[in-house]
Amino acid sequence: MKAQAYSADGKARSKGVQLPDSTFDGVVNEAALHQVVTAYLNGRRQGTASTKNRARVRGGGRKPWRQKGTGRARAGTIRSPLWKGGGVVFGPQPRPHSVRVPRKLRRLAIRSALNARAAEGNLVVVEALELEAPRTKAIVELLEKIGDGARNVLILTDGIKRTVHLSARNLPGIMVRPWGEASAYELLWADRIVVEDSALSGEPVAGTEEDDE
């Protein structure tokens, strides 16, 4: 599988680059993508939805009327779930929504997302982005040449590059991540993925084999 290559100033090279077969094998596992992305979105939920049951609602300590002789249905508290202002039955309570996802499944999802973008032609390779100081204009000019009008662009750098991050952090729809630290959700979020050529030799997801257990 090949990808279009560009220089650091956005000029297209005559030939594309061959993507490493260890990552770009052409396999897109949609089931893994769905499971991992769903787990990622669940993990972003605050889980703070809360309601009060009849034990937590204030008041209702006195029996509203006597048990017999009134002609009305018997009642023990005005905070019954049957009453207005009463407790809620089986309402939501604060809880975590996070789901554990095995690392091997996450790796499969990340490779699937990369393969999907590469197969669409929306993954491009650029030379190393070396900025001596943060310069937003340089990133804007580069993306205007290679972004192809994409609304969301993900830049994957070879390691942590503070100047690139600072140059792009104020641009809407632009995200910078080191290669190996982008999630499957972020890869699918991007309409265009820009990867530094020196980063392709590394693993697309950080971690060791011992973490797979």
C-alpha atoms as a PDB file:
ATOM      1  CA  MET A   1       0.000   0.000   0.000  1.00  0.00           C
ATOM      2  CA  LYS A   2       1.309   3.424  -1.000  1.00  0.00           C
ATOM      3  CA  ALA A   3       0.593   6.980   0.135  1.00  0.00           C
ATOM      4  CA  GLN A   4       1.144  10.377  -1.414  1.00  0.00           C
ATOM      5  CA  ALA A   5       4.327  12.032  -0.163  1.00  0.00           C
ATOM      6  CA  TYR A   6       5.060  15.719   0.361  1.00  0.00           C
ATOM      7  CA  SER A   7       8.040  17.783   1.353  1.00  0.00           C
ATOM      8  CA  ALA A   8       8.045  19.848   4.544  1.00  0.00           C
ATOM      9  CA  ASP A   9       6.881  22.910   2.600  1.00  0.00           C
ATOM     10  CA  GLY A  10       3.956  21.089   0.984  1.00  0.00           C
ATOM     11  CA  LYS A  11       5.380  20.237  -2.444  1.00  0.00           C
ATOM     12  CA  ALA A  12       4.220  16.877  -3.787  1.00  0.00           C
ATOM     13  CA  ARG A  13       6.886  14.329  -4.581  1.00  0.00           C
ATOM     14  CA  SER A  14       6.844  12.576  -7.911  1.00  0.00           C
ATOM     15  CA  LYS A  15       6.421   9.142  -6.360  1.00  0.00           C
ATOM     16  CA  GLY A  16       4.465   7.969  -3.364  1.00  0.00           C
ATOM     17  CA  VAL A  17       6.019   6.125  -0.458  1.00  0.00           C
ATOM     18  CA  GLN A  18       5.533   2.486   0.376  1.00  0.00           C
ATOM     19  CA  LEU A  19       3.789   2.124   3.724  1.00  0.00           C
ATOM     20  CA  PRO A  20       5.145  -0.570   6.084  1.00  0.00           C
ATOM     21  CA  ASP A  21       3.361  -3.885   5.653  1.00  0.00           C
ATOM     22  CA  SER A  22       3.502  -4.575   9.387  1.00  0.00           C
ATOM     23  CA  THR A  23       0.874  -1.874   9.934  1.00  0.00           C
ATOM     24  CA  PHE A  24      -0.740  -1.291   6.558  1.00  0.00           C
ATOM     25  CA  ASP A  25      -1.859  -4.773   5.582  1.00  0.00           C
ATOM     26  CA  GLY A  26      -5.176  -3.635   4.067  1.00  0.00           C
ATOM     27  CA  VAL A  27      -7.324  -5.258   6.761  1.00  0.00           C
ATOM     28  CA  VAL A  28     -10.192  -3.154   8.132  1.00  0.00           C
ATOM     29  CA  ASN A  29     -11.998  -4.873  11.005  1.00  0.00           C
ATOM     30  CA  GLU A  30     -15.237  -2.913  11.388  1.00  0.00           C
ATOM     31  CA  ALA A  31     -16.370  -4.908  14.417  1.00  0.00           C
ATOM     32  CA  ALA A  32     -13.189  -4.025  16.309  1.00  0.00           C
ATOM     33  CA  LEU A  33     -13.543  -0.375  15.305  1.00  0.00           C
ATOM     34  CA  HIS A  34     -17.122  -0.257  16.545  1.00  0.00           C
ATOM     35  CA  GLN A  35     -16.288  -1.871  19.865  1.00  0.00           C
ATOM     36  CA  VAL A  36     -13.233   0.295  20.563  1.00  0.00           C
ATOM     37  CA  VAL A  37     -14.839   3.580  19.494  1.00  0.00           C
ATOM     38  CA  THR A  38     -17.962   2.827  21.543  1.00  0.00           C
ATOM     39  CA  ALA A  39     -15.804   2.095  24.589  1.00  0.00           C
ATOM     40  CA  TYR A  40     -13.867   5.330  23.996  1.00  0.00           C
ATOM     41  CA  LEU A  41     -17.049   7.404  23.858  1.00  0.00           C
ATOM     42  CA  ASN A  42     -18.422   5.649  26.942  1.00  0.00           C
ATOM     43  CA  GLY A  43     -15.235   6.554  28.794  1.00  0.00           C
ATOM     44  CA  ARG A  44     -15.819  10.227  27.992  1.00  0.00           C
ATOM     45  CA  ARG A  45     -19.208  10.222  29.688  1.00  0.00           C
ATOM     46  CA  GLN A  46     -19.260  11.993  33.029  1.00  0.00           C
ATOM     47  CA  GLY A  47     -21.684   9.546  34.608  1.00  0.00           C
ATOM     48  CA  THR A  48     -23.050  12.225  36.962  1.00  0.00           C
ATOM     49  CA  ALA A  49     -26.770  11.756  36.221  1.00  0.00           C
ATOM     50  CA  SER A  50     -28.499  11.403  39.574  1.00  0.00           C
ATOM     51  CA  THR A  51     -32.032  11.125  40.941  1.00  0.00           C
ATOM     52  CA  LYS A  52     -33.411  10.782  44.461  1.00  0.00           C
ATOM     53  CA  ASN A  53     -35.350   7.764  45.596  1.00  0.00           C
ATOM     54  CA  ARG A  54     -37.974   8.002  48.310  1.00  0.00           C
ATOM     55  CA  ALA A  55     -35.336   7.597  51.025  1.00  0.00           C
ATOM     56  CA  ARG A  56     -33.361  10.618  49.815  1.00  0.00           C
ATOM     57  CA  VAL A  57     -36.218  13.045  49.161  1.00  0.00           C
ATOM     58  CA  ARG A  58     -36.583  15.529  51.994  1.00  0.00           C
ATOM     59  CA  GLY A  59     -39.808  15.418  54.001  1.00  0.00           C
ATOM     60  CA  GLY A  60     -42.558  12.844  54.139  1.00  0.00           C
ATOM     61  CA  GLY A  61     -41.820  11.706  57.660  1.00  0.00           C
ATOM     62  CA  ARG A  62     -45.416  12.081  58.810  1.00  0.00           C
ATOM     63  CA  LYS A  63     -48.293   9.927  57.664  1.00  0.00           C
ATOM     64  CA  PRO A  64     -50.502  12.276  55.586  1.00  0.00           C
ATOM     65  CA  TRP A  65     -53.767  10.925  56.993  1.00  0.00           C
ATOM     66  CA  ARG A  66     -54.993   8.141  59.187  1.00  0.00           C
ATOM     67  CA  GLN A  67     -55.096   4.623  57.841  1.00  0.00           C
ATOM     68  CA  LYS A  68     -58.867   4.061  57.918  1.00  0.00           C
ATOM     69  CA  GLY A  69     -62.080   6.016  57.871  1.00  0.00           C
ATOM     70  CA  THR A  70     -61.271   8.753  55.367  1.00  0.00           C
ATOM     71  CA  GLY A  71     -62.432   6.991  52.198  1.00  0.00           C
ATOM     72  CA  ARG A  72     -59.112   7.653  50.542  1.00  0.00           C
ATOM     73  CA  ALA A  73     -56.432   5.172  49.623  1.00  0.00           C
ATOM     74  CA  ARG A  74     -54.000   4.423  52.431  1.00  0.00           C
ATOM     75  CA  ALA A  75     -50.767   6.392  52.305  1.00  0.00           C
ATOM     76  CA  GLY A  76     -47.711   6.353  54.514  1.00  0.00           C
ATOM     77  CA  THR A  77     -45.702   9.271  53.081  1.00  0.00           C
ATOM     78  CA  ILE A  78     -46.116  12.130  50.676  1.00  0.00           C
ATOM     79  CA  ARG A  79     -42.748  11.222  49.164  1.00  0.00           C
ATOM     80  CA  SER A  80     -44.012   7.996  47.636  1.00  0.00           C
ATOM     81  CA  PRO A  81     -43.070   7.579  43.971  1.00  0.00           C
ATOM     82  CA  LEU A  82     -46.799   7.755  43.190  1.00  0.00           C
ATOM     83  CA  TRP A  83     -46.963  11.331  44.443  1.00  0.00           C
ATOM     84  CA  LYS A  84     -45.833  14.538  42.790  1.00  0.00           C
ATOM     85  CA  GLY A  85     -42.536  15.521  44.400  1.00  0.00           C
ATOM     86  CA  GLY A  86     -41.918  11.964  45.525  1.00  0.00           C
ATOM     87  CA  GLY A  87     -38.929   9.735  44.917  1.00  0.00           C
ATOM     88  CA  VAL A  88     -37.929   8.303  41.567  1.00  0.00           C
ATOM     89  CA  VAL A  89     -38.119   4.578  40.964  1.00  0.00           C
ATOM     90  CA  PHE A  90     -35.035   3.005  39.353  1.00  0.00           C
ATOM     91  CA  GLY A  91     -33.668   6.405  38.345  1.00  0.00           C
ATOM     92  CA  PRO A  92     -30.062   6.944  37.208  1.00  0.00           C
ATOM     93  CA  GLN A  93     -27.322   7.103  39.818  1.00  0.00           C
ATOM     94  CA  PRO A  94     -23.720   8.319  39.449  1.00  0.00           C
ATOM     95  CA  ARG A  95     -21.598   5.521  37.990  1.00  0.00           C
ATOM     96  CA  PRO A  96     -18.620   5.032  35.681  1.00  0.00           C
ATOM     97  CA  HIS A  97     -19.366   4.115  32.083  1.00  0.00           C
ATOM     98  CA  SER A  98     -15.834   3.038  31.209  1.00  0.00           C
ATOM     99  CA  VAL A  99     -15.317  -0.386  29.653  1.00  0.00           C
ATOM    100  CA  ARG A 100     -12.053  -2.293  29.670  1.00  0.00           C
ATOM    101  CA  VAL A 101     -10.755  -2.964  26.174  1.00  0.00           C
ATOM    102  CA  PRO A 102      -7.904  -5.450  25.665  1.00  0.00           C
ATOM    103  CA  ARG A 103      -4.777  -3.890  24.197  1.00  0.00           C
ATOM    104  CA  LYS A 104      -4.713  -6.342  21.303  1.00  0.00           C
ATOM    105  CA  LEU A 105      -8.208  -5.238  20.327  1.00  0.00           C
ATOM    106  CA  ARG A 106      -7.174  -1.582  20.520  1.00  0.00           C
ATOM    107  CA  ARG A 107      -4.166  -2.305  18.321  1.00  0.00           C
ATOM    108  CA  LEU A 108      -6.391  -4.034  15.787  1.00  0.00           C
ATOM    109  CA  ALA A 109      -8.792  -1.079  15.765  1.00  0.00           C
ATOM    110  CA  ILE A 110      -5.971   1.447  15.310  1.00  0.00           C
ATOM    111  CA  ARG A 111      -4.479  -0.535  12.431  1.00  0.00           C
ATOM    112  CA  SER A 112      -7.942  -0.861  10.899  1.00  0.00           C
ATOM    113  CA  ALA A 113      -8.497   2.909  11.116  1.00  0.00           C
ATOM    114  CA  LEU A 114      -5.106   3.603   9.530  1.00  0.00           C
ATOM    115  CA  ASN A 115      -5.788   1.104   6.750  1.00  0.00           C
ATOM    116  CA  ALA A 116      -9.197   2.619   6.105  1.00  0.00           C
ATOM    117  CA  ARG A 117      -7.804   6.138   5.742  1.00  0.00           C
ATOM    118  CA  ALA A 118      -4.886   4.913   3.603  1.00  0.00           C
ATOM    119  CA  ALA A 119      -7.217   2.968   1.301  1.00  0.00           C
ATOM    120  CA  GLU A 120      -9.308   6.120   0.821  1.00  0.00           C
ATOM    121  CA  GLY A 121      -6.202   8.127  -0.059  1.00  0.00           C
ATOM    122  CA  ASN A 122      -6.666  10.317   2.995  1.00  0.00           C
ATOM    123  CA  LEU A 123      -3.347   9.417   4.616  1.00  0.00           C
ATOM    124  CA  VAL A 124      -0.343  11.391   3.397  1.00  0.00           C
ATOM    125  CA  VAL A 125       3.318  11.383   4.393  1.00  0.00           C
ATOM    126  CA  VAL A 126       5.444  14.490   4.893  1.00  0.00           C
ATOM    127  CA  GLU A 127       9.063  15.126   5.700  1.00  0.00           C
ATOM    128  CA  ALA A 128       9.995  15.928   9.290  1.00  0.00           C
ATOM    129  CA  LEU A 129       8.364  19.134  10.529  1.00  0.00           C
ATOM    130  CA  GLU A 130      11.201  21.099  12.092  1.00  0.00           C
ATOM    131  CA  LEU A 131      10.063  24.424  13.529  1.00  0.00           C
ATOM    132  CA  GLU A 132      12.514  26.427  15.585  1.00  0.00           C
ATOM    133  CA  ALA A 133       9.647  28.287  17.256  1.00  0.00           C
ATOM    134  CA  PRO A 134       5.841  27.989  17.245  1.00  0.00           C
ATOM    135  CA  ARG A 135       4.516  29.388  13.973  1.00  0.00           C
ATOM    136  CA  THR A 136       0.849  28.875  13.180  1.00  0.00           C
ATOM    137  CA  LYS A 137       1.201  30.323   9.679  1.00  0.00           C
ATOM    138  CA  ALA A 138       3.599  27.539   8.693  1.00  0.00           C
ATOM    139  CA  ILE A 139       1.068  24.857   9.655  1.00  0.00           C
ATOM    140  CA  VAL A 140      -1.753  26.707   7.877  1.00  0.00           C
ATOM    141  CA  GLU A 141       0.260  27.000   4.664  1.00  0.00           C
ATOM    142  CA  LEU A 142       1.250  23.342   4.796  1.00  0.00           C
ATOM    143  CA  LEU A 143      -2.306  22.110   5.324  1.00  0.00           C
ATOM    144  CA  GLU A 144      -3.663  24.346   2.583  1.00  0.00           C
ATOM    145  CA  LYS A 145      -1.375  22.517   0.160  1.00  0.00           C
ATOM    146  CA  ILE A 146      -1.871  18.946   1.370  1.00  0.00           C
ATOM    147  CA  GLY A 147      -5.139  19.105   3.328  1.00  0.00           C
ATOM    148  CA  ASP A 148      -7.311  18.821   0.202  1.00  0.00           C
ATOM    149  CA  GLY A 149     -10.030  20.889   1.893  1.00  0.00           C
ATOM    150  CA  ALA A 150     -10.432  18.456   4.797  1.00  0.00           C
ATOM    151  CA  ARG A 151     -12.398  19.814   7.731  1.00  0.00           C
ATOM    152  CA  ASN A 152     -10.579  17.736  10.379  1.00  0.00           C
ATOM    153  CA  VAL A 153      -6.854  17.010  10.081  1.00  0.00           C
ATOM    154  CA  LEU A 154      -4.761  14.835  12.372  1.00  0.00           C
ATOM    155  CA  ILE A 155      -0.992  15.385  12.357  1.00  0.00           C
ATOM    156  CA  LEU A 156       1.066  12.452  13.627  1.00  0.00           C
ATOM    157  CA  THR A 157       4.601  13.453  14.570  1.00  0.00           C
ATOM    158  CA  ASP A 158       7.700  11.390  15.206  1.00  0.00           C
ATOM    159  CA  GLY A 159       7.706  11.704  18.985  1.00  0.00           C
ATOM    160  CA  ILE A 160       6.638  14.753  20.962  1.00  0.00           C
ATOM    161  CA  LYS A 161       7.231  17.970  19.049  1.00  0.00           C
ATOM    162  CA  ARG A 162       6.233  20.908  21.202  1.00  0.00           C
ATOM    163  CA  THR A 163       6.635  23.542  18.495  1.00  0.00           C
ATOM    164  CA  VAL A 164       4.293  21.701  16.122  1.00  0.00           C
ATOM    165  CA  HIS A 165       1.729  21.249  18.876  1.00  0.00           C
ATOM    166  CA  LEU A 166       1.865  24.917  19.878  1.00  0.00           C
ATOM    167  CA  SER A 167       1.640  25.999  16.245  1.00  0.00           C
ATOM    168  CA  ALA A 168      -1.564  24.049  15.618  1.00  0.00           C
ATOM    169  CA  ARG A 169      -3.401  24.099  18.941  1.00  0.00           C
ATOM    170  CA  ASN A 170      -5.406  27.265  18.142  1.00  0.00           C
ATOM    171  CA  LEU A 171      -6.521  26.052  14.715  1.00  0.00           C
ATOM    172  CA  PRO A 172     -10.054  24.609  14.648  1.00  0.00           C
ATOM    173  CA  GLY A 173     -10.273  21.061  13.351  1.00  0.00           C
ATOM    174  CA  ILE A 174      -6.530  20.419  13.703  1.00  0.00           C
ATOM    175  CA  MET A 175      -5.151  17.868  16.143  1.00  0.00           C
ATOM    176  CA  VAL A 176      -1.507  16.922  16.788  1.00  0.00           C
ATOM    177  CA  ARG A 177      -0.534  13.597  18.329  1.00  0.00           C
ATOM    178  CA  PRO A 178       2.731  11.669  18.504  1.00  0.00           C
ATOM    179  CA  TRP A 179       2.716   8.551  16.334  1.00  0.00           C
ATOM    180  CA  GLY A 180       1.580   5.685  18.530  1.00  0.00           C
ATOM    181  CA  GLU A 181      -0.576   7.789  20.867  1.00  0.00           C
ATOM    182  CA  ALA A 182      -3.574   8.508  18.644  1.00  0.00           C
ATOM    183  CA  SER A 183      -6.697   6.522  19.428  1.00  0.00           C
ATOM    184  CA  ALA A 184      -8.893   4.766  16.872  1.00  0.00           C
ATOM    185  CA  TYR A 185     -11.568   7.402  17.500  1.00  0.00           C
ATOM    186  CA  GLU A 186      -9.148  10.238  16.676  1.00  0.00           C
ATOM    187  CA  LEU A 187      -8.003   8.455  13.519  1.00  0.00           C
ATOM    188  CA  LEU A 188     -11.604   8.095  12.348  1.00  0.00           C
ATOM    189  CA  TRP A 189     -12.419  11.653  13.434  1.00  0.00           C
ATOM    190  CA  ALA A 190      -9.812  12.987  11.007  1.00  0.00           C
ATOM    191  CA  ASP A 191     -10.791  13.443   7.377  1.00  0.00           C
ATOM    192  CA  ARG A 192      -7.084  13.699   6.538  1.00  0.00           C
ATOM    193  CA  ILE A 193      -4.127  12.157   8.357  1.00  0.00           C
ATOM    194  CA  VAL A 194      -0.659  13.665   7.953  1.00  0.00           C
ATOM    195  CA  VAL A 195       2.222  11.457   9.118  1.00  0.00           C
ATOM    196  CA  GLU A 196       5.896  12.317   9.367  1.00  0.00           C
ATOM    197  CA  ASP A 197       7.877   9.823   7.280  1.00  0.00           C
ATOM    198  CA  SER A 198      10.351   9.117  10.089  1.00  0.00           C
ATOM    199  CA  ALA A 199       7.500   8.014  12.366  1.00  0.00           C
ATOM    200  CA  LEU A 200       6.317   5.135  10.187  1.00  0.00           C
ATOM    201  CA  SER A 201       9.046   2.806  11.431  1.00  0.00           C
ATOM    202  CA  GLY A 202       7.507   2.723  14.923  1.00  0.00           C
ATOM    203  CA  GLU A 203       4.470   0.904  16.264  1.00  0.00           C
ATOM    204  CA  PRO A 204       1.114   2.678  15.675  1.00  0.00           C
ATOM    205  CA  VAL A 205       0.113   2.121  19.308  1.00  0.00           C
ATOM    206  CA  ALA A 206       2.274   2.489  22.396  1.00  0.00           C
ATOM    207  CA  GLY A 207       2.723  -0.374  24.847  1.00  0.00           C
ATOM    208  CA  THR A 208       4.460  -3.706  25.360  1.00  0.00           C
ATOM    209  CA  GLU A 209       3.387  -7.274  24.879  1.00  0.00           C
ATOM    210  CA  GLU A 210       3.161  -7.747  28.637  1.00  0.00           C
ATOM    211  CA  ASP A 211       0.187  -5.354  28.670  1.00  0.00           C
ATOM    212  CA  ASP A 212      -1.870  -7.654  26.444  1.00  0.00           C
ATOM    213  CA  GLU A 213      -2.806 -10.003  29.259  1.00  0.00           C
END
